[in-house]
Amino acid sequence: MSNPPSSEDVAWASTNTPLKVSELNDFCTDIERLFRINPMLEFERWDSRDENHFSFSGRNISQEKPFDFQFELSVSKLSNGFRIDYDKGIKSSTIFTIEPAPQGSKLTITDCYERLPVEERSAHMQEVDKSLSLWAQYLQEYLINWRRWSRFRLWRWYMRRVWQPMKPAGRRVTYMLLWITVVEIALIALGVTIYFVEYA
């Protein structure tokens, strides 16, 4: 496993994915999707100026007291991934490192907090993004499902047009409703089966 940059002002999380390195690189070109997979971000707006420059705003709920954000993003290609630079705030950049792994690839996300002078950082601790580990976990789950279901056009349409724009709370409610529906259908099917076995 690779190590994060040698600095005390970074946070990092790694996850294995079922995709090949080339497939993961292609998947990560959709910067908006990467951020929207993060379950701790509630989006208000996302705008694309071009393929490497974006602006977005919303609320980060990873802290005990959620905080609002509004950033301009610049994306730079790296030899083994890419870097996203923020125009303001305590976080200066997020680096996505993509490497081969025995059964696919490994994605490492590194948040760098090096913009502000050391003496000023403590005053902005409430702006630290604590979602990194959970983001990596949700990316892994998404990529497992992507490998399994992305060949189906209806699944891709649902994930992009319905699931992706939802707030995290809306996704959780939808997930629970879907499972409740599945259980109800199963119970109805079981009841019908018992009826025919007993009375048919």
N, C-alpha and C. Protein backbone atom coordinates (compact mmCIF):
# COMPACT_ATOMS: atom_id res chain seq x y z
N MET A 1 0.84 -1.20 0.00
CA MET A 1 0.00 0.00 0.00
C MET A 1 0.88 1.24 0.00
N SER A 2 0.55 2.20 -0.85
CA SER A 2 1.32 3.43 -0.92
C SER A 2 1.05 4.30 0.28
N ASN A 3 2.00 5.16 0.60
CA ASN A 3 1.86 6.06 1.73
C ASN A 3 1.39 7.41 1.27
N PRO A 4 0.70 8.16 2.13
CA PRO A 4 0.26 9.50 1.78
C PRO A 4 1.44 10.44 1.75
N PRO A 5 1.27 11.67 1.25
CA PRO A 5 2.36 12.63 1.24
C PRO A 5 2.90 12.84 2.65
N SER A 6 4.22 13.10 2.75
CA SER A 6 4.87 13.24 4.05
C SER A 6 4.57 14.62 4.64
N SER A 7 3.41 14.74 5.24
CA SER A 7 3.00 15.99 5.86
C SER A 7 2.02 15.67 6.97
N GLU A 8 2.06 16.46 8.04
CA GLU A 8 1.13 16.26 9.13
C GLU A 8 -0.26 16.79 8.78
N ASP A 9 -0.36 17.58 7.73
CA ASP A 9 -1.62 18.26 7.40
C ASP A 9 -2.33 17.59 6.24
N VAL A 10 -2.37 16.26 6.26
CA VAL A 10 -3.11 15.50 5.26
C VAL A 10 -3.95 14.44 5.97
N ALA A 11 -5.02 14.05 5.31
CA ALA A 11 -5.83 12.91 5.74
C ALA A 11 -6.02 12.03 4.50
N TRP A 12 -6.00 10.72 4.68
CA TRP A 12 -6.10 9.86 3.50
C TRP A 12 -6.86 8.58 3.82
N ALA A 13 -7.44 8.01 2.77
CA ALA A 13 -8.17 6.74 2.88
C ALA A 13 -8.01 6.00 1.56
N SER A 14 -7.85 4.69 1.65
CA SER A 14 -7.68 3.85 0.46
C SER A 14 -8.77 2.80 0.39
N THR A 15 -9.09 2.40 -0.83
CA THR A 15 -10.07 1.33 -1.00
C THR A 15 -9.72 0.53 -2.25
N ASN A 16 -9.92 -0.77 -2.19
CA ASN A 16 -9.74 -1.62 -3.36
C ASN A 16 -11.00 -1.60 -4.21
N THR A 17 -10.84 -1.66 -5.51
CA THR A 17 -11.99 -1.65 -6.41
C THR A 17 -11.89 -2.83 -7.38
N PRO A 18 -13.01 -3.28 -7.93
CA PRO A 18 -13.00 -4.40 -8.87
C PRO A 18 -12.64 -3.98 -10.30
N LEU A 19 -12.44 -2.69 -10.54
CA LEU A 19 -12.17 -2.20 -11.89
C LEU A 19 -10.68 -2.27 -12.21
N LYS A 20 -10.37 -2.44 -13.48
CA LYS A 20 -8.99 -2.30 -13.92
C LYS A 20 -8.57 -0.84 -13.80
N VAL A 21 -7.26 -0.61 -13.82
CA VAL A 21 -6.76 0.76 -13.68
C VAL A 21 -7.33 1.66 -14.77
N SER A 22 -7.37 1.19 -16.00
CA SER A 22 -7.91 2.00 -17.10
C SER A 22 -9.39 2.28 -16.90
N GLU A 23 -10.14 1.29 -16.42
CA GLU A 23 -11.57 1.47 -16.17
C GLU A 23 -11.81 2.47 -15.04
N LEU A 24 -10.99 2.39 -13.99
CA LEU A 24 -11.14 3.32 -12.87
C LEU A 24 -10.79 4.73 -13.30
N ASN A 25 -9.75 4.86 -14.13
CA ASN A 25 -9.41 6.18 -14.67
C ASN A 25 -10.57 6.77 -15.45
N ASP A 26 -11.21 5.96 -16.28
CA ASP A 26 -12.35 6.43 -17.06
C ASP A 26 -13.50 6.83 -16.14
N PHE A 27 -13.77 6.02 -15.13
CA PHE A 27 -14.86 6.31 -14.20
C PHE A 27 -14.62 7.64 -13.49
N CYS A 28 -13.40 7.90 -13.12
CA CYS A 28 -13.07 9.10 -12.34
C CYS A 28 -13.06 10.38 -13.17
N THR A 29 -13.22 10.28 -14.47
CA THR A 29 -13.29 11.51 -15.27
C THR A 29 -14.58 12.29 -14.99
N ASP A 30 -15.58 11.62 -14.43
CA ASP A 30 -16.83 12.29 -14.05
C ASP A 30 -16.66 12.83 -12.63
N ILE A 31 -16.13 14.04 -12.51
CA ILE A 31 -15.81 14.62 -11.20
C ILE A 31 -17.07 14.84 -10.37
N GLU A 32 -18.13 15.29 -11.01
CA GLU A 32 -19.37 15.53 -10.27
C GLU A 32 -19.86 14.24 -9.61
N ARG A 33 -19.85 13.15 -10.34
CA ARG A 33 -20.31 11.88 -9.77
C ARG A 33 -19.46 11.47 -8.57
N LEU A 34 -18.15 11.66 -8.67
CA LEU A 34 -17.27 11.30 -7.54
C LEU A 34 -17.70 12.03 -6.27
N PHE A 35 -17.94 13.34 -6.39
CA PHE A 35 -18.32 14.11 -5.21
C PHE A 35 -19.72 13.76 -4.73
N ARG A 36 -20.63 13.51 -5.64
CA ARG A 36 -22.01 13.22 -5.23
C ARG A 36 -22.13 11.85 -4.56
N ILE A 37 -21.19 10.95 -4.78
CA ILE A 37 -21.21 9.67 -4.10
C ILE A 37 -20.92 9.84 -2.61
N ASN A 38 -20.23 10.92 -2.25
CA ASN A 38 -19.92 11.19 -0.85
C ASN A 38 -21.22 11.40 -0.06
N PRO A 39 -21.53 10.54 0.93
CA PRO A 39 -22.82 10.64 1.62
C PRO A 39 -22.90 11.78 2.63
N MET A 40 -21.80 12.49 2.83
CA MET A 40 -21.78 13.59 3.79
C MET A 40 -21.92 14.96 3.12
N LEU A 41 -22.11 14.98 1.81
CA LEU A 41 -22.26 16.25 1.09
C LEU A 41 -23.68 16.41 0.58
N GLU A 42 -24.32 17.50 0.97
CA GLU A 42 -25.63 17.86 0.44
C GLU A 42 -25.45 18.99 -0.56
N PHE A 43 -25.76 18.73 -1.82
CA PHE A 43 -25.48 19.69 -2.89
C PHE A 43 -26.62 20.69 -3.06
N GLU A 44 -26.22 21.92 -3.26
CA GLU A 44 -27.16 22.96 -3.65
C GLU A 44 -27.00 23.29 -5.13
N ARG A 45 -25.75 23.27 -5.60
CA ARG A 45 -25.47 23.64 -6.99
C ARG A 45 -24.17 23.01 -7.45
N TRP A 46 -24.15 22.61 -8.73
CA TRP A 46 -22.91 22.14 -9.38
C TRP A 46 -22.90 22.70 -10.79
N ASP A 47 -21.84 23.43 -11.14
CA ASP A 47 -21.71 24.01 -12.47
C ASP A 47 -20.37 23.61 -13.07
N SER A 48 -20.37 23.31 -14.36
CA SER A 48 -19.16 22.95 -15.08
C SER A 48 -18.80 24.05 -16.06
N ARG A 49 -17.62 24.65 -15.89
CA ARG A 49 -17.14 25.64 -16.87
C ARG A 49 -16.50 24.95 -18.06
N ASP A 50 -15.75 23.90 -17.80
CA ASP A 50 -15.20 23.03 -18.83
C ASP A 50 -14.85 21.73 -18.14
N GLU A 51 -14.15 20.83 -18.82
CA GLU A 51 -13.90 19.50 -18.26
C GLU A 51 -12.95 19.52 -17.06
N ASN A 52 -12.27 20.66 -16.82
CA ASN A 52 -11.31 20.72 -15.73
C ASN A 52 -11.61 21.81 -14.70
N HIS A 53 -12.71 22.53 -14.86
CA HIS A 53 -13.03 23.60 -13.93
C HIS A 53 -14.52 23.54 -13.56
N PHE A 54 -14.78 23.55 -12.25
CA PHE A 54 -16.14 23.41 -11.76
C PHE A 54 -16.36 24.35 -10.57
N SER A 55 -17.61 24.61 -10.27
CA SER A 55 -17.97 25.32 -9.06
C SER A 55 -19.15 24.59 -8.43
N PHE A 56 -19.14 24.51 -7.10
CA PHE A 56 -20.26 23.86 -6.44
C PHE A 56 -20.42 24.40 -5.03
N SER A 57 -21.63 24.25 -4.52
CA SER A 57 -21.96 24.73 -3.18
C SER A 57 -22.92 23.75 -2.54
N GLY A 58 -22.98 23.84 -1.21
CA GLY A 58 -23.87 22.95 -0.48
C GLY A 58 -23.53 22.94 0.99
N ARG A 59 -23.78 21.78 1.62
CA ARG A 59 -23.55 21.65 3.06
C ARG A 59 -22.81 20.35 3.33
N ASN A 60 -21.79 20.45 4.20
CA ASN A 60 -21.04 19.27 4.63
C ASN A 60 -21.57 18.87 6.01
N ILE A 61 -22.10 17.64 6.13
CA ILE A 61 -22.72 17.20 7.37
C ILE A 61 -21.82 16.23 8.14
N SER A 62 -20.52 16.20 7.82
CA SER A 62 -19.61 15.28 8.49
C SER A 62 -19.21 15.76 9.87
N GLN A 63 -19.34 17.06 10.13
CA GLN A 63 -19.05 17.60 11.45
C GLN A 63 -20.30 17.54 12.33
N GLU A 64 -20.11 17.59 13.65
CA GLU A 64 -21.25 17.60 14.56
C GLU A 64 -22.15 18.79 14.27
N LYS A 65 -21.53 19.92 13.92
CA LYS A 65 -22.26 21.09 13.46
C LYS A 65 -22.00 21.25 11.96
N PRO A 66 -22.96 20.88 11.10
CA PRO A 66 -22.73 20.98 9.64
C PRO A 66 -22.34 22.40 9.23
N PHE A 67 -21.58 22.48 8.14
CA PHE A 67 -21.16 23.80 7.66
C PHE A 67 -21.39 23.91 6.16
N ASP A 68 -21.71 25.11 5.72
CA ASP A 68 -21.94 25.38 4.30
C ASP A 68 -20.61 25.59 3.59
N PHE A 69 -20.59 25.30 2.29
CA PHE A 69 -19.38 25.50 1.50
C PHE A 69 -19.74 26.03 0.12
N GLN A 70 -18.77 26.66 -0.50
CA GLN A 70 -18.89 27.13 -1.88
C GLN A 70 -17.48 27.22 -2.44
N PHE A 71 -17.18 26.39 -3.45
CA PHE A 71 -15.83 26.29 -3.97
C PHE A 71 -15.79 26.39 -5.48
N GLU A 72 -14.63 26.84 -5.98
CA GLU A 72 -14.23 26.67 -7.36
C GLU A 72 -13.19 25.56 -7.39
N LEU A 73 -13.33 24.61 -8.32
CA LEU A 73 -12.42 23.48 -8.41
C LEU A 73 -11.62 23.54 -9.71
N SER A 74 -10.35 23.14 -9.62
CA SER A 74 -9.50 22.99 -10.80
C SER A 74 -8.91 21.59 -10.77
N VAL A 75 -9.03 20.86 -11.86
CA VAL A 75 -8.57 19.48 -11.94
C VAL A 75 -7.29 19.42 -12.76
N SER A 76 -6.27 18.75 -12.21
CA SER A 76 -4.99 18.58 -12.89
C SER A 76 -4.68 17.10 -12.99
N LYS A 77 -4.24 16.65 -14.17
CA LYS A 77 -3.88 15.26 -14.36
C LYS A 77 -2.52 14.97 -13.73
N LEU A 78 -2.41 13.81 -13.13
CA LEU A 78 -1.15 13.31 -12.60
C LEU A 78 -0.79 12.01 -13.31
N SER A 79 0.42 11.55 -13.15
CA SER A 79 0.84 10.33 -13.84
C SER A 79 0.07 9.11 -13.34
N ASN A 80 -0.39 9.14 -12.09
CA ASN A 80 -1.12 8.01 -11.52
C ASN A 80 -2.45 8.43 -10.91
N GLY A 81 -3.08 9.44 -11.51
CA GLY A 81 -4.36 9.89 -11.00
C GLY A 81 -4.61 11.35 -11.36
N PHE A 82 -5.12 12.12 -10.41
CA PHE A 82 -5.38 13.53 -10.66
C PHE A 82 -5.50 14.27 -9.33
N ARG A 83 -5.37 15.59 -9.41
CA ARG A 83 -5.47 16.44 -8.23
C ARG A 83 -6.55 17.48 -8.43
N ILE A 84 -7.33 17.72 -7.39
CA ILE A 84 -8.36 18.76 -7.41
C ILE A 84 -7.94 19.86 -6.45
N ASP A 85 -7.79 21.07 -6.95
CA ASP A 85 -7.43 22.22 -6.13
C ASP A 85 -8.66 23.06 -5.84
N TYR A 86 -8.77 23.53 -4.59
CA TYR A 86 -9.89 24.38 -4.15
C TYR A 86 -9.43 25.83 -4.10
N ASP A 87 -10.32 26.74 -4.45
CA ASP A 87 -9.93 28.14 -4.52
C ASP A 87 -9.88 28.82 -3.15
N LYS A 88 -10.49 28.20 -2.12
CA LYS A 88 -10.50 28.82 -0.80
C LYS A 88 -10.83 27.76 0.23
N GLY A 89 -10.78 28.16 1.51
CA GLY A 89 -11.07 27.22 2.58
C GLY A 89 -9.81 26.62 3.15
N ILE A 90 -9.98 25.86 4.23
CA ILE A 90 -8.83 25.26 4.90
C ILE A 90 -8.22 24.12 4.08
N LYS A 91 -9.04 23.44 3.27
CA LYS A 91 -8.53 22.34 2.44
C LYS A 91 -8.00 22.89 1.12
N SER A 92 -6.73 22.62 0.84
CA SER A 92 -6.14 23.16 -0.38
C SER A 92 -6.35 22.27 -1.59
N SER A 93 -6.34 20.94 -1.40
CA SER A 93 -6.49 20.04 -2.55
C SER A 93 -6.90 18.65 -2.10
N THR A 94 -7.42 17.89 -3.05
CA THR A 94 -7.70 16.47 -2.86
C THR A 94 -7.03 15.71 -4.00
N ILE A 95 -6.22 14.71 -3.65
CA ILE A 95 -5.47 13.94 -4.63
C ILE A 95 -6.07 12.53 -4.73
N PHE A 96 -6.39 12.11 -5.94
CA PHE A 96 -6.88 10.76 -6.20
C PHE A 96 -5.74 9.98 -6.86
N THR A 97 -5.25 8.96 -6.18
CA THR A 97 -4.17 8.13 -6.70
C THR A 97 -4.73 6.77 -7.10
N ILE A 98 -4.45 6.36 -8.33
CA ILE A 98 -4.98 5.11 -8.88
C ILE A 98 -3.81 4.17 -9.16
N GLU A 99 -3.87 2.97 -8.58
CA GLU A 99 -2.78 2.01 -8.71
C GLU A 99 -3.35 0.62 -8.99
N PRO A 100 -2.54 -0.24 -9.62
CA PRO A 100 -3.00 -1.62 -9.82
C PRO A 100 -3.04 -2.37 -8.50
N ALA A 101 -3.94 -3.34 -8.41
CA ALA A 101 -4.08 -4.20 -7.24
C ALA A 101 -4.28 -5.63 -7.73
N PRO A 102 -4.06 -6.63 -6.87
CA PRO A 102 -4.13 -8.03 -7.32
C PRO A 102 -5.43 -8.39 -8.03
N GLN A 103 -6.57 -7.86 -7.58
CA GLN A 103 -7.85 -8.21 -8.20
C GLN A 103 -8.57 -6.99 -8.74
N GLY A 104 -7.84 -6.04 -9.26
CA GLY A 104 -8.46 -4.84 -9.83
C GLY A 104 -7.55 -3.64 -9.69
N SER A 105 -7.96 -2.71 -8.85
CA SER A 105 -7.18 -1.49 -8.67
C SER A 105 -7.38 -0.95 -7.26
N LYS A 106 -6.55 0.00 -6.89
CA LYS A 106 -6.68 0.64 -5.58
C LYS A 106 -6.79 2.14 -5.77
N LEU A 107 -7.73 2.73 -5.07
CA LEU A 107 -7.95 4.17 -5.12
C LEU A 107 -7.63 4.76 -3.76
N THR A 108 -6.72 5.73 -3.74
CA THR A 108 -6.36 6.43 -2.51
C THR A 108 -6.77 7.89 -2.65
N ILE A 109 -7.52 8.37 -1.66
CA ILE A 109 -7.96 9.77 -1.64
C ILE A 109 -7.21 10.48 -0.52
N THR A 110 -6.53 11.56 -0.87
CA THR A 110 -5.74 12.31 0.11
C THR A 110 -6.21 13.76 0.13
N ASP A 111 -6.67 14.20 1.30
CA ASP A 111 -7.03 15.61 1.50
C ASP A 111 -5.85 16.35 2.10
N CYS A 112 -5.47 17.46 1.48
CA CYS A 112 -4.34 18.26 1.95
C CYS A 112 -4.85 19.57 2.54
N TYR A 113 -4.37 19.88 3.74
CA TYR A 113 -4.78 21.09 4.45
C TYR A 113 -3.55 21.98 4.66
N GLU A 114 -3.11 22.59 3.58
CA GLU A 114 -1.84 23.33 3.63
C GLU A 114 -1.95 24.77 3.14
N ARG A 115 -3.16 25.24 2.89
CA ARG A 115 -3.29 26.59 2.38
C ARG A 115 -3.01 27.65 3.46
N LEU A 116 -3.62 27.48 4.62
CA LEU A 116 -3.52 28.50 5.66
C LEU A 116 -2.23 28.33 6.46
N PRO A 117 -1.68 29.42 6.97
CA PRO A 117 -0.53 29.31 7.87
C PRO A 117 -0.87 28.45 9.08
N VAL A 118 0.13 27.78 9.64
CA VAL A 118 -0.09 26.85 10.76
C VAL A 118 -0.84 27.53 11.89
N GLU A 119 -0.47 28.76 12.21
CA GLU A 119 -1.07 29.44 13.35
C GLU A 119 -2.55 29.76 13.14
N GLU A 120 -3.04 29.71 11.88
CA GLU A 120 -4.44 30.03 11.60
C GLU A 120 -5.33 28.79 11.49
N ARG A 121 -4.73 27.63 11.34
CA ARG A 121 -5.52 26.42 11.04
C ARG A 121 -6.44 26.01 12.18
N SER A 122 -5.99 26.18 13.41
CA SER A 122 -6.81 25.75 14.54
C SER A 122 -8.13 26.51 14.61
N ALA A 123 -8.15 27.74 14.08
CA ALA A 123 -9.37 28.53 14.10
C ALA A 123 -10.38 28.06 13.06
N HIS A 124 -9.96 27.14 12.18
CA HIS A 124 -10.85 26.66 11.10
C HIS A 124 -11.09 25.16 11.20
N MET A 125 -10.88 24.58 12.38
CA MET A 125 -11.05 23.14 12.52
C MET A 125 -12.48 22.69 12.24
N GLN A 126 -13.45 23.58 12.42
CA GLN A 126 -14.85 23.22 12.16
C GLN A 126 -15.12 23.06 10.67
N GLU A 127 -14.14 23.45 9.81
CA GLU A 127 -14.29 23.30 8.37
C GLU A 127 -13.57 22.06 7.83
N VAL A 128 -12.98 21.28 8.72
CA VAL A 128 -12.29 20.06 8.28
C VAL A 128 -13.33 19.03 7.82
N ASP A 129 -13.09 18.45 6.67
CA ASP A 129 -14.00 17.45 6.11
C ASP A 129 -13.70 16.09 6.74
N LYS A 130 -14.63 15.59 7.55
CA LYS A 130 -14.44 14.32 8.25
C LYS A 130 -15.06 13.14 7.51
N SER A 131 -15.41 13.35 6.26
CA SER A 131 -16.14 12.31 5.52
C SER A 131 -15.23 11.36 4.76
N LEU A 132 -13.91 11.52 4.84
CA LEU A 132 -13.01 10.85 3.91
C LEU A 132 -13.14 9.32 3.94
N SER A 133 -13.10 8.72 5.12
CA SER A 133 -13.19 7.26 5.20
C SER A 133 -14.53 6.75 4.69
N LEU A 134 -15.60 7.45 5.04
CA LEU A 134 -16.93 7.05 4.59
C LEU A 134 -17.06 7.24 3.08
N TRP A 135 -16.46 8.29 2.55
CA TRP A 135 -16.46 8.52 1.10
C TRP A 135 -15.79 7.35 0.38
N ALA A 136 -14.62 6.93 0.87
CA ALA A 136 -13.91 5.80 0.26
C ALA A 136 -14.76 4.54 0.31
N GLN A 137 -15.44 4.32 1.44
CA GLN A 137 -16.31 3.14 1.58
C GLN A 137 -17.46 3.17 0.58
N TYR A 138 -18.10 4.32 0.45
CA TYR A 138 -19.22 4.43 -0.49
C TYR A 138 -18.75 4.33 -1.94
N LEU A 139 -17.57 4.83 -2.23
CA LEU A 139 -17.03 4.67 -3.58
C LEU A 139 -16.79 3.20 -3.90
N GLN A 140 -16.26 2.47 -2.93
CA GLN A 140 -16.04 1.04 -3.14
C GLN A 140 -17.37 0.32 -3.42
N GLU A 141 -18.39 0.60 -2.62
CA GLU A 141 -19.70 -0.03 -2.82
C GLU A 141 -20.28 0.34 -4.18
N TYR A 142 -20.14 1.62 -4.56
CA TYR A 142 -20.67 2.06 -5.85
C TYR A 142 -19.95 1.33 -6.98
N LEU A 143 -18.64 1.21 -6.88
CA LEU A 143 -17.86 0.59 -7.95
C LEU A 143 -18.13 -0.91 -8.06
N ILE A 144 -18.40 -1.56 -6.94
CA ILE A 144 -18.80 -2.97 -6.99
C ILE A 144 -20.12 -3.11 -7.75
N ASN A 145 -21.07 -2.24 -7.43
CA ASN A 145 -22.35 -2.27 -8.15
C ASN A 145 -22.17 -1.85 -9.61
N TRP A 146 -21.27 -0.92 -9.87
CA TRP A 146 -20.99 -0.49 -11.24
C TRP A 146 -20.49 -1.66 -12.07
N ARG A 147 -19.58 -2.43 -11.50
CA ARG A 147 -19.05 -3.60 -12.20
C ARG A 147 -20.17 -4.60 -12.50
N ARG A 148 -21.12 -4.73 -11.57
CA ARG A 148 -22.16 -5.75 -11.68
C ARG A 148 -23.30 -5.33 -12.60
N TRP A 149 -23.68 -4.03 -12.56
CA TRP A 149 -24.93 -3.61 -13.18
C TRP A 149 -24.80 -2.59 -14.32
N SER A 150 -23.63 -2.00 -14.52
CA SER A 150 -23.54 -0.87 -15.46
C SER A 150 -23.79 -1.27 -16.91
N ARG A 151 -23.77 -2.55 -17.21
CA ARG A 151 -24.07 -2.96 -18.58
C ARG A 151 -25.54 -2.79 -18.92
N PHE A 152 -26.37 -2.57 -17.88
CA PHE A 152 -27.81 -2.38 -18.10
C PHE A 152 -28.11 -0.88 -18.19
N ARG A 153 -28.67 -0.47 -19.33
CA ARG A 153 -28.93 0.94 -19.57
C ARG A 153 -29.89 1.54 -18.55
N LEU A 154 -30.92 0.76 -18.16
CA LEU A 154 -31.88 1.27 -17.19
C LEU A 154 -31.21 1.57 -15.86
N TRP A 155 -30.29 0.72 -15.41
CA TRP A 155 -29.57 0.96 -14.15
C TRP A 155 -28.73 2.23 -14.25
N ARG A 156 -28.02 2.39 -15.35
CA ARG A 156 -27.19 3.59 -15.52
C ARG A 156 -28.06 4.84 -15.52
N TRP A 157 -29.22 4.76 -16.19
CA TRP A 157 -30.12 5.92 -16.22
C TRP A 157 -30.61 6.26 -14.82
N TYR A 158 -31.02 5.24 -14.07
CA TYR A 158 -31.53 5.48 -12.71
C TYR A 158 -30.45 6.10 -11.83
N MET A 159 -29.24 5.56 -11.87
CA MET A 159 -28.18 6.06 -10.99
C MET A 159 -27.81 7.50 -11.35
N ARG A 160 -27.81 7.86 -12.63
CA ARG A 160 -27.41 9.21 -13.02
C ARG A 160 -28.55 10.20 -12.88
N ARG A 161 -29.74 9.83 -13.30
CA ARG A 161 -30.85 10.79 -13.36
C ARG A 161 -31.70 10.85 -12.09
N VAL A 162 -31.72 9.75 -11.34
CA VAL A 162 -32.58 9.71 -10.14
C VAL A 162 -31.72 9.69 -8.88
N TRP A 163 -30.86 8.69 -8.74
CA TRP A 163 -30.08 8.52 -7.51
C TRP A 163 -29.08 9.64 -7.29
N GLN A 164 -28.32 9.98 -8.32
CA GLN A 164 -27.23 10.94 -8.15
C GLN A 164 -27.70 12.32 -7.67
N PRO A 165 -28.78 12.89 -8.20
CA PRO A 165 -29.20 14.22 -7.72
C PRO A 165 -29.81 14.22 -6.32
N MET A 166 -30.14 13.05 -5.78
CA MET A 166 -30.78 13.00 -4.47
C MET A 166 -29.83 13.45 -3.36
N LYS A 167 -30.42 14.00 -2.29
CA LYS A 167 -29.65 14.23 -1.08
C LYS A 167 -29.44 12.87 -0.39
N PRO A 168 -28.38 12.75 0.43
CA PRO A 168 -28.12 11.47 1.11
C PRO A 168 -29.32 10.94 1.87
N ALA A 169 -30.07 11.82 2.56
CA ALA A 169 -31.24 11.36 3.31
C ALA A 169 -32.29 10.78 2.37
N GLY A 170 -32.47 11.39 1.20
CA GLY A 170 -33.42 10.89 0.23
C GLY A 170 -33.04 9.52 -0.29
N ARG A 171 -31.73 9.30 -0.48
CA ARG A 171 -31.27 7.99 -0.93
C ARG A 171 -31.56 6.92 0.10
N ARG A 172 -31.36 7.24 1.39
CA ARG A 172 -31.61 6.27 2.45
C ARG A 172 -33.10 5.92 2.52
N VAL A 173 -33.96 6.93 2.40
CA VAL A 173 -35.39 6.68 2.43
C VAL A 173 -35.81 5.82 1.24
N THR A 174 -35.29 6.15 0.06
CA THR A 174 -35.61 5.37 -1.14
C THR A 174 -35.16 3.93 -0.99
N TYR A 175 -33.96 3.73 -0.44
CA TYR A 175 -33.43 2.38 -0.23
C TYR A 175 -34.35 1.58 0.68
N MET A 176 -34.79 2.20 1.79
CA MET A 176 -35.67 1.50 2.72
C MET A 176 -37.01 1.17 2.08
N LEU A 177 -37.55 2.12 1.29
CA LEU A 177 -38.83 1.87 0.63
C LEU A 177 -38.72 0.73 -0.37
N LEU A 178 -37.61 0.68 -1.10
CA LEU A 178 -37.41 -0.40 -2.06
C LEU A 178 -37.37 -1.75 -1.36
N TRP A 179 -36.67 -1.81 -0.22
CA TRP A 179 -36.60 -3.08 0.50
C TRP A 179 -37.95 -3.46 1.09
N ILE A 180 -38.69 -2.47 1.58
CA ILE A 180 -40.03 -2.76 2.10
C ILE A 180 -40.91 -3.31 0.98
N THR A 181 -40.80 -2.73 -0.21
CA THR A 181 -41.58 -3.20 -1.36
C THR A 181 -41.21 -4.63 -1.73
N VAL A 182 -39.90 -4.92 -1.72
CA VAL A 182 -39.44 -6.27 -2.04
C VAL A 182 -39.98 -7.28 -1.03
N VAL A 183 -39.92 -6.93 0.25
CA VAL A 183 -40.43 -7.82 1.29
C VAL A 183 -41.94 -8.04 1.13
N GLU A 184 -42.68 -6.97 0.84
CA GLU A 184 -44.12 -7.10 0.65
C GLU A 184 -44.45 -8.01 -0.52
N ILE A 185 -43.72 -7.84 -1.62
CA ILE A 185 -43.95 -8.69 -2.80
C ILE A 185 -43.65 -10.15 -2.46
N ALA A 186 -42.56 -10.36 -1.70
CA ALA A 186 -42.19 -11.73 -1.32
C ALA A 186 -43.26 -12.36 -0.44
N LEU A 187 -43.81 -11.57 0.49
CA LEU A 187 -44.86 -12.10 1.37
C LEU A 187 -46.13 -12.42 0.59
N ILE A 188 -46.47 -11.55 -0.37
CA ILE A 188 -47.65 -11.82 -1.21
C ILE A 188 -47.45 -13.10 -2.01
N ALA A 189 -46.24 -13.24 -2.58
CA ALA A 189 -45.94 -14.45 -3.36
C ALA A 189 -46.00 -15.69 -2.49
N LEU A 190 -45.49 -15.56 -1.25
CA LEU A 190 -45.54 -16.70 -0.32
C LEU A 190 -46.99 -17.05 0.01
N GLY A 191 -47.82 -16.03 0.24
CA GLY A 191 -49.22 -16.28 0.54
C GLY A 191 -49.94 -16.97 -0.61
N VAL A 192 -49.67 -16.50 -1.83
CA VAL A 192 -50.29 -17.11 -3.01
C VAL A 192 -49.84 -18.56 -3.15
N THR A 193 -48.56 -18.81 -2.92
CA THR A 193 -48.03 -20.17 -3.02
C THR A 193 -48.69 -21.09 -2.01
N ILE A 194 -48.80 -20.63 -0.76
CA ILE A 194 -49.44 -21.44 0.30
C ILE A 194 -50.90 -21.72 -0.06
N TYR A 195 -51.59 -20.71 -0.60
CA TYR A 195 -53.01 -20.90 -0.97
C TYR A 195 -53.14 -22.00 -2.00
N PHE A 196 -52.31 -21.96 -3.05
CA PHE A 196 -52.44 -22.95 -4.11
C PHE A 196 -52.03 -24.32 -3.61
N VAL A 197 -51.04 -24.38 -2.72
CA VAL A 197 -50.62 -25.69 -2.19
C VAL A 197 -51.72 -26.30 -1.32
N GLU A 198 -52.40 -25.45 -0.54
CA GLU A 198 -53.41 -25.94 0.39
C GLU A 198 -54.77 -26.20 -0.24
N TYR A 199 -55.13 -25.34 -1.22
CA TYR A 199 -56.51 -25.37 -1.70
C TYR A 199 -56.68 -25.67 -3.19
N ALA A 200 -55.62 -25.55 -3.93
CA ALA A 200 -55.76 -25.77 -5.37
C ALA A 200 -55.88 -27.26 -5.69
